[in-house]
């Protein structure tokens, strides 16, 4: 998955799962969350079975990596 980006899947109750997904897998996941039910998510580390009815949020890494201090700090 050369174009993979980090995604955090947050669930009701506070649990969070982090995975690296391709753009197409992320787009599919976002569509499927609206429908709910079980979904087998293909990640870089293998298959992840997710119950989408309990997903509270998706946090998608912006890709902006910062090192050091910003001028305002």
PDB file of N, CA and C in Angstrom:
ATOM      1  N   UNK A   1       0.836  -1.182   0.000  1.00  0.00           N
ATOM      2  CA  UNK A   1       0.000   0.000   0.000  1.00  0.00           C
ATOM      3  C   UNK A   1       0.877   1.240   0.000  1.00  0.00           C
ATOM      4  N   UNK A   2       1.383   1.586  -1.120  1.00  0.00           N
ATOM      5  CA  UNK A   2       2.295   2.710  -1.217  1.00  0.00           C
ATOM      6  C   UNK A   2       1.613   4.032  -0.889  1.00  0.00           C
ATOM      7  N   UNK A   3       0.322   4.176  -1.206  1.00  0.00           N
ATOM      8  CA  UNK A   3      -0.382   5.427  -0.970  1.00  0.00           C
ATOM      9  C   UNK A   3      -1.195   5.381   0.322  1.00  0.00           C
ATOM     10  N   UNK A   4      -0.828   4.524   1.259  1.00  0.00           N
ATOM     11  CA  UNK A   4      -1.586   4.345   2.495  1.00  0.00           C
ATOM     12  C   UNK A   4      -1.439   5.548   3.410  1.00  0.00           C
ATOM     13  N   UNK A   5      -2.515   5.838   4.122  1.00  0.00           N
ATOM     14  CA  UNK A   5      -2.476   6.896   5.118  1.00  0.00           C
ATOM     15  C   UNK A   5      -3.022   6.366   6.436  1.00  0.00           C
ATOM     16  N   UNK A   6      -2.587   6.999   7.517  1.00  0.00           N
ATOM     17  CA  UNK A   6      -2.985   6.538   8.843  1.00  0.00           C
ATOM     18  C   UNK A   6      -4.392   7.017   9.150  1.00  0.00           C
ATOM     19  N   UNK A   7      -5.215   6.085   9.625  1.00  0.00           N
ATOM     20  CA  UNK A   7      -6.594   6.374   9.987  1.00  0.00           C
ATOM     21  C   UNK A   7      -6.842   5.810  11.379  1.00  0.00           C
ATOM     22  N   UNK A   8      -7.475   6.593  12.239  1.00  0.00           N
ATOM     23  CA  UNK A   8      -7.889   6.110  13.547  1.00  0.00           C
ATOM     24  C   UNK A   8      -9.398   5.951  13.522  1.00  0.00           C
ATOM     25  N   UNK A   9      -9.868   4.783  13.938  1.00  0.00           N
ATOM     26  CA  UNK A   9     -11.290   4.486  13.991  1.00  0.00           C
ATOM     27  C   UNK A   9     -11.677   4.502  15.461  1.00  0.00           C
ATOM     28  N   UNK A  10     -12.532   5.459  15.841  1.00  0.00           N
ATOM     29  CA  UNK A  10     -12.960   5.587  17.230  1.00  0.00           C
ATOM     30  C   UNK A  10     -14.334   4.968  17.420  1.00  0.00           C
ATOM     31  N   UNK A  11     -14.488   4.260  18.519  1.00  0.00           N
ATOM     32  CA  UNK A  11     -15.736   3.559  18.813  1.00  0.00           C
ATOM     33  C   UNK A  11     -16.422   4.153  20.025  1.00  0.00           C
ATOM     34  N   UNK A  12     -17.735   3.916  20.118  1.00  0.00           N
ATOM     35  CA  UNK A  12     -18.474   4.276  21.322  1.00  0.00           C
ATOM     36  C   UNK A  12     -17.780   3.607  22.504  1.00  0.00           C
ATOM     37  N   UNK A  13     -17.625   4.329  23.580  1.00  0.00           N
ATOM     38  CA  UNK A  13     -16.947   3.776  24.746  1.00  0.00           C
ATOM     39  C   UNK A  13     -15.492   4.191  24.824  1.00  0.00           C
ATOM     40  N   UNK A  14     -14.943   4.780  23.744  1.00  0.00           N
ATOM     41  CA  UNK A  14     -13.609   5.335  23.797  1.00  0.00           C
ATOM     42  C   UNK A  14     -12.488   4.530  23.169  1.00  0.00           C
ATOM     43  N   UNK A  15     -12.736   3.301  22.741  1.00  0.00           N
ATOM     44  CA  UNK A  15     -11.670   2.516  22.115  1.00  0.00           C
ATOM     45  C   UNK A  15     -11.329   3.117  20.750  1.00  0.00           C
ATOM     46  N   UNK A  16     -10.043   3.040  20.410  1.00  0.00           N
ATOM     47  CA  UNK A  16      -9.564   3.554  19.121  1.00  0.00           C
ATOM     48  C   UNK A  16      -8.651   2.513  18.497  1.00  0.00           C
ATOM     49  N   UNK A  17      -8.852   2.264  17.199  1.00  0.00           N
ATOM     50  CA  UNK A  17      -7.997   1.360  16.438  1.00  0.00           C
ATOM     51  C   UNK A  17      -7.327   2.189  15.351  1.00  0.00           C
ATOM     52  N   UNK A  18      -6.018   2.053  15.230  1.00  0.00           N
ATOM     53  CA  UNK A  18      -5.259   2.762  14.212  1.00  0.00           C
ATOM     54  C   UNK A  18      -4.877   1.787  13.107  1.00  0.00           C
ATOM     55  N   UNK A  19      -5.017   2.231  11.856  1.00  0.00           N
ATOM     56  CA  UNK A  19      -4.679   1.383  10.712  1.00  0.00           C
ATOM     57  C   UNK A  19      -4.178   2.256   9.577  1.00  0.00           C
ATOM     58  N   UNK A  20      -3.445   1.642   8.665  1.00  0.00           N
ATOM     59  CA  UNK A  20      -3.009   2.335   7.452  1.00  0.00           C
ATOM     60  C   UNK A  20      -3.832   1.789   6.306  1.00  0.00           C
ATOM     61  N   UNK A  21      -4.528   2.705   5.599  1.00  0.00           N
ATOM     62  CA  UNK A  21      -5.445   2.319   4.530  1.00  0.00           C
ATOM     63  C   UNK A  21      -5.096   3.036   3.237  1.00  0.00           C
ATOM     64  N   UNK A  22      -5.361   2.367   2.135  1.00  0.00           N
ATOM     65  CA  UNK A  22      -5.209   3.015   0.828  1.00  0.00           C
ATOM     66  C   UNK A  22      -6.360   4.004   0.655  1.00  0.00           C
ATOM     67  N   UNK A  23      -6.227   4.912  -0.287  1.00  0.00           N
ATOM     68  CA  UNK A  23      -7.274   5.900  -0.538  1.00  0.00           C
ATOM     69  C   UNK A  23      -8.598   5.229  -0.891  1.00  0.00           C
ATOM     70  N   UNK A  24      -8.553   4.191  -1.714  1.00  0.00           N
ATOM     71  CA  UNK A  24      -9.789   3.518  -2.121  1.00  0.00           C
ATOM     72  C   UNK A  24     -10.429   2.767  -0.958  1.00  0.00           C
ATOM     73  N   UNK A  25      -9.620   2.129  -0.094  1.00  0.00           N
ATOM     74  CA  UNK A  25     -10.167   1.438   1.077  1.00  0.00           C
ATOM     75  C   UNK A  25     -10.767   2.430   2.062  1.00  0.00           C
ATOM     76  N   UNK A  26     -10.158   3.597   2.212  1.00  0.00           N
ATOM     77  CA  UNK A  26     -10.695   4.626   3.088  1.00  0.00           C
ATOM     78  C   UNK A  26     -12.033   5.141   2.548  1.00  0.00           C
ATOM     79  N   UNK A  27     -12.103   5.385   1.252  1.00  0.00           N
ATOM     80  CA  UNK A  27     -13.355   5.851   0.651  1.00  0.00           C
ATOM     81  C   UNK A  27     -14.458   4.817   0.849  1.00  0.00           C
ATOM     82  N   UNK A  28     -14.129   3.537   0.672  1.00  0.00           N
ATOM     83  CA  UNK A  28     -15.107   2.467   0.866  1.00  0.00           C
ATOM     84  C   UNK A  28     -15.556   2.404   2.326  1.00  0.00           C
ATOM     85  N   UNK A  29     -14.616   2.532   3.263  1.00  0.00           N
ATOM     86  CA  UNK A  29     -14.956   2.509   4.679  1.00  0.00           C
ATOM     87  C   UNK A  29     -15.926   3.634   5.024  1.00  0.00           C
ATOM     88  N   UNK A  30     -15.673   4.825   4.521  1.00  0.00           N
ATOM     89  CA  UNK A  30     -16.552   5.968   4.820  1.00  0.00           C
ATOM     90  C   UNK A  30     -17.965   5.724   4.316  1.00  0.00           C
ATOM     91  N   UNK A  31     -18.113   5.109   3.161  1.00  0.00           N
ATOM     92  CA  UNK A  31     -19.451   4.783   2.630  1.00  0.00           C
ATOM     93  C   UNK A  31     -20.124   3.721   3.486  1.00  0.00           C
ATOM     94  N   UNK A  32     -19.355   2.729   3.901  1.00  0.00           N
ATOM     95  CA  UNK A  32     -19.897   1.600   4.672  1.00  0.00           C
ATOM     96  C   UNK A  32     -20.302   1.993   6.086  1.00  0.00           C
ATOM     97  N   UNK A  33     -19.617   2.974   6.682  1.00  0.00           N
ATOM     98  CA  UNK A  33     -19.955   3.392   8.045  1.00  0.00           C
ATOM     99  C   UNK A  33     -21.412   3.850   8.112  1.00  0.00           C
ATOM    100  N   UNK A  34     -21.884   4.504   7.075  1.00  0.00           N
ATOM    101  CA  UNK A  34     -23.265   4.986   7.058  1.00  0.00           C
ATOM    102  C   UNK A  34     -24.270   3.839   7.081  1.00  0.00           C
ATOM    103  N   UNK A  35     -23.889   2.683   6.571  1.00  0.00           N
ATOM    104  CA  UNK A  35     -24.787   1.535   6.495  1.00  0.00           C
ATOM    105  C   UNK A  35     -24.764   0.682   7.752  1.00  0.00           C
ATOM    106  N   UNK A  36     -23.667   0.702   8.498  1.00  0.00           N
ATOM    107  CA  UNK A  36     -23.537  -0.101   9.711  1.00  0.00           C
ATOM    108  C   UNK A  36     -23.248  -1.559   9.392  1.00  0.00           C
ATOM    109  N   UNK A  37     -23.389  -2.417  10.401  1.00  0.00           N
ATOM    110  CA  UNK A  37     -23.135  -3.846  10.241  1.00  0.00           C
ATOM    111  C   UNK A  37     -21.658  -4.176  10.319  1.00  0.00           C
ATOM    112  N   UNK A  38     -21.341  -5.423  10.080  1.00  0.00           N
ATOM    113  CA  UNK A  38     -19.955  -5.898  10.109  1.00  0.00           C
ATOM    114  C   UNK A  38     -19.279  -5.624   8.782  1.00  0.00           C
ATOM    115  N   UNK A  39     -17.985  -5.298   8.854  1.00  0.00           N
ATOM    116  CA  UNK A  39     -17.208  -5.004   7.657  1.00  0.00           C
ATOM    117  C   UNK A  39     -15.794  -5.526   7.840  1.00  0.00           C
ATOM    118  N   UNK A  40     -15.281  -6.245   6.869  1.00  0.00           N
ATOM    119  CA  UNK A  40     -13.896  -6.718   6.882  1.00  0.00           C
ATOM    120  C   UNK A  40     -13.026  -5.671   6.204  1.00  0.00           C
ATOM    121  N   UNK A  41     -12.175  -5.047   6.990  1.00  0.00           N
ATOM    122  CA  UNK A  41     -11.335  -3.955   6.529  1.00  0.00           C
ATOM    123  C   UNK A  41      -9.939  -4.474   6.238  1.00  0.00           C
ATOM    124  N   UNK A  42      -9.488  -4.286   5.010  1.00  0.00           N
ATOM    125  CA  UNK A  42      -8.146  -4.718   4.610  1.00  0.00           C
ATOM    126  C   UNK A  42      -7.153  -3.620   4.974  1.00  0.00           C
ATOM    127  N   UNK A  43      -6.180  -3.950   5.857  1.00  0.00           N
ATOM    128  CA  UNK A  43      -5.160  -2.997   6.271  1.00  0.00           C
ATOM    129  C   UNK A  43      -3.787  -3.520   5.874  1.00  0.00           C
ATOM    130  N   UNK A  44      -2.753  -2.719   6.104  1.00  0.00           N
ATOM    131  CA  UNK A  44      -1.386  -3.162   5.825  1.00  0.00           C
ATOM    132  C   UNK A  44      -0.998  -4.348   6.691  1.00  0.00           C
ATOM    133  N   UNK A  45      -1.594  -4.442   7.884  1.00  0.00           N
ATOM    134  CA  UNK A  45      -1.244  -5.501   8.829  1.00  0.00           C
ATOM    135  C   UNK A  45      -2.127  -6.729   8.723  1.00  0.00           C
ATOM    136  N   UNK A  46      -3.121  -6.704   7.862  1.00  0.00           N
ATOM    137  CA  UNK A  46      -4.020  -7.839   7.705  1.00  0.00           C
ATOM    138  C   UNK A  46      -5.470  -7.402   7.727  1.00  0.00           C
ATOM    139  N   UNK A  47      -6.365  -8.372   7.937  1.00  0.00           N
ATOM    140  CA  UNK A  47      -7.790  -8.108   7.919  1.00  0.00           C
ATOM    141  C   UNK A  47      -8.275  -7.718   9.314  1.00  0.00           C
ATOM    142  N   UNK A  48      -9.141  -6.729   9.378  1.00  0.00           N
ATOM    143  CA  UNK A  48      -9.707  -6.251  10.631  1.00  0.00           C
ATOM    144  C   UNK A  48     -11.223  -6.271  10.489  1.00  0.00           C
ATOM    145  N   UNK A  49     -11.905  -7.084  11.312  1.00  0.00           N
ATOM    146  CA  UNK A  49     -13.368  -7.149  11.299  1.00  0.00           C
ATOM    147  C   UNK A  49     -13.885  -6.062  12.236  1.00  0.00           C
ATOM    148  N   UNK A  50     -14.696  -5.151  11.698  1.00  0.00           N
ATOM    149  CA  UNK A  50     -15.169  -3.992  12.447  1.00  0.00           C
ATOM    150  C   UNK A  50     -16.692  -3.972  12.432  1.00  0.00           C
ATOM    151  N   UNK A  51     -17.295  -3.764  13.622  1.00  0.00           N
ATOM    152  CA  UNK A  51     -18.742  -3.564  13.682  1.00  0.00           C
ATOM    153  C   UNK A  51     -18.997  -2.064  13.528  1.00  0.00           C
ATOM    154  N   UNK A  52     -19.472  -1.665  12.369  1.00  0.00           N
ATOM    155  CA  UNK A  52     -19.572  -0.258  12.012  1.00  0.00           C
ATOM    156  C   UNK A  52     -20.673   0.487  12.759  1.00  0.00           C
ATOM    157  N   UNK A  53     -21.615  -0.251  13.331  1.00  0.00           N
ATOM    158  CA  UNK A  53     -22.676   0.395  14.088  1.00  0.00           C
ATOM    159  C   UNK A  53     -22.184   1.074  15.356  1.00  0.00           C
ATOM    160  N   UNK A  54     -20.983   0.776  15.791  1.00  0.00           N
ATOM    161  CA  UNK A  54     -20.406   1.357  17.005  1.00  0.00           C
ATOM    162  C   UNK A  54     -19.315   2.383  16.712  1.00  0.00           C
ATOM    163  N   UNK A  55     -19.080   2.696  15.431  1.00  0.00           N
ATOM    164  CA  UNK A  55     -18.046   3.679  15.076  1.00  0.00           C
ATOM    165  C   UNK A  55     -18.544   5.078  15.411  1.00  0.00           C
ATOM    166  N   UNK A  56     -17.757   5.813  16.191  1.00  0.00           N
ATOM    167  CA  UNK A  56     -18.103   7.176  16.586  1.00  0.00           C
ATOM    168  C   UNK A  56     -17.397   8.215  15.714  1.00  0.00           C
ATOM    169  N   UNK A  57     -16.165   7.910  15.255  1.00  0.00           N
ATOM    170  CA  UNK A  57     -15.448   8.864  14.411  1.00  0.00           C
ATOM    171  C   UNK A  57     -14.357   8.168  13.609  1.00  0.00           C
ATOM    172  N   UNK A  58     -13.935   8.842  12.545  1.00  0.00           N
ATOM    173  CA  UNK A  58     -12.758   8.463  11.759  1.00  0.00           C
ATOM    174  C   UNK A  58     -11.825   9.667  11.775  1.00  0.00           C
ATOM    175  N   UNK A  59     -10.599   9.467  12.217  1.00  0.00           N
ATOM    176  CA  UNK A  59      -9.599  10.530  12.185  1.00  0.00           C
ATOM    177  C   UNK A  59      -8.595  10.160  11.104  1.00  0.00           C
ATOM    178  N   UNK A  60      -8.477  11.028  10.107  1.00  0.00           N
ATOM    179  CA  UNK A  60      -7.616  10.760   8.952  1.00  0.00           C
ATOM    180  C   UNK A  60      -6.406  11.672   9.044  1.00  0.00           C
ATOM    181  N   UNK A  61      -5.219  11.074   9.015  1.00  0.00           N
ATOM    182  CA  UNK A  61      -3.967  11.820   9.113  1.00  0.00           C
ATOM    183  C   UNK A  61      -3.868  12.792   7.952  1.00  0.00           C
ATOM    184  N   UNK A  62      -3.542  14.034   8.261  1.00  0.00           N
ATOM    185  CA  UNK A  62      -3.443  15.065   7.225  1.00  0.00           C
ATOM    186  C   UNK A  62      -2.185  14.912   6.383  1.00  0.00           C
ATOM    187  N   UNK A  63      -1.207  14.161   6.888  1.00  0.00           N
ATOM    188  CA  UNK A  63       0.038  14.000   6.152  1.00  0.00           C
ATOM    189  C   UNK A  63       1.054  15.074   6.465  1.00  0.00           C
ATOM    190  N   UNK A  64       0.631  16.109   7.230  1.00  0.00           N
ATOM    191  CA  UNK A  64       1.550  17.172   7.616  1.00  0.00           C
ATOM    192  C   UNK A  64       2.332  16.729   8.840  1.00  0.00           C
ATOM    193  N   UNK A  65       3.607  16.555   8.677  1.00  0.00           N
ATOM    194  CA  UNK A  65       4.462  16.150   9.788  1.00  0.00           C
ATOM    195  C   UNK A  65       5.294  17.332  10.230  1.00  0.00           C
ATOM    196  N   UNK A  66       5.216  17.631  11.517  1.00  0.00           N
ATOM    197  CA  UNK A  66       5.935  18.781  12.047  1.00  0.00           C
ATOM    198  C   UNK A  66       6.991  18.308  13.028  1.00  0.00           C
ATOM    199  N   UNK A  67       8.144  18.890  12.925  1.00  0.00           N
ATOM    200  CA  UNK A  67       9.241  18.577  13.829  1.00  0.00           C
ATOM    201  C   UNK A  67       9.729  19.895  14.407  1.00  0.00           C
ATOM    202  N   UNK A  68       9.959  19.908  15.701  1.00  0.00           N
ATOM    203  CA  UNK A  68      10.494  21.124  16.320  1.00  0.00           C
ATOM    204  C   UNK A  68       9.401  22.045  16.771  1.00  0.00           C
ATOM    205  N   UNK A  69       9.735  23.322  16.837  1.00  0.00           N
ATOM    206  CA  UNK A  69       8.826  24.330  17.360  1.00  0.00           C
ATOM    207  C   UNK A  69       8.345  25.219  16.246  1.00  0.00           C
ATOM    208  N   UNK A  70       7.105  25.674  16.372  1.00  0.00           N
ATOM    209  CA  UNK A  70       6.598  26.648  15.412  1.00  0.00           C
ATOM    210  C   UNK A  70       7.027  28.041  15.858  1.00  0.00           C
ATOM    211  N   UNK A  71       7.014  29.034  14.990  1.00  0.00           N
ATOM    212  CA  UNK A  71       7.459  30.379  15.370  1.00  0.00           C
ATOM    213  C   UNK A  71       6.672  30.966  16.518  1.00  0.00           C
ATOM    214  N   UNK A  72       5.419  30.553  16.725  1.00  0.00           N
ATOM    215  CA  UNK A  72       4.593  31.111  17.787  1.00  0.00           C
ATOM    216  C   UNK A  72       4.828  30.452  19.137  1.00  0.00           C
ATOM    217  N   UNK A  73       5.638  29.411  19.212  1.00  0.00           N
ATOM    218  CA  UNK A  73       5.844  28.700  20.489  1.00  0.00           C
ATOM    219  C   UNK A  73       6.930  29.313  21.322  1.00  0.00           C
TER     220      UNK A  73
END
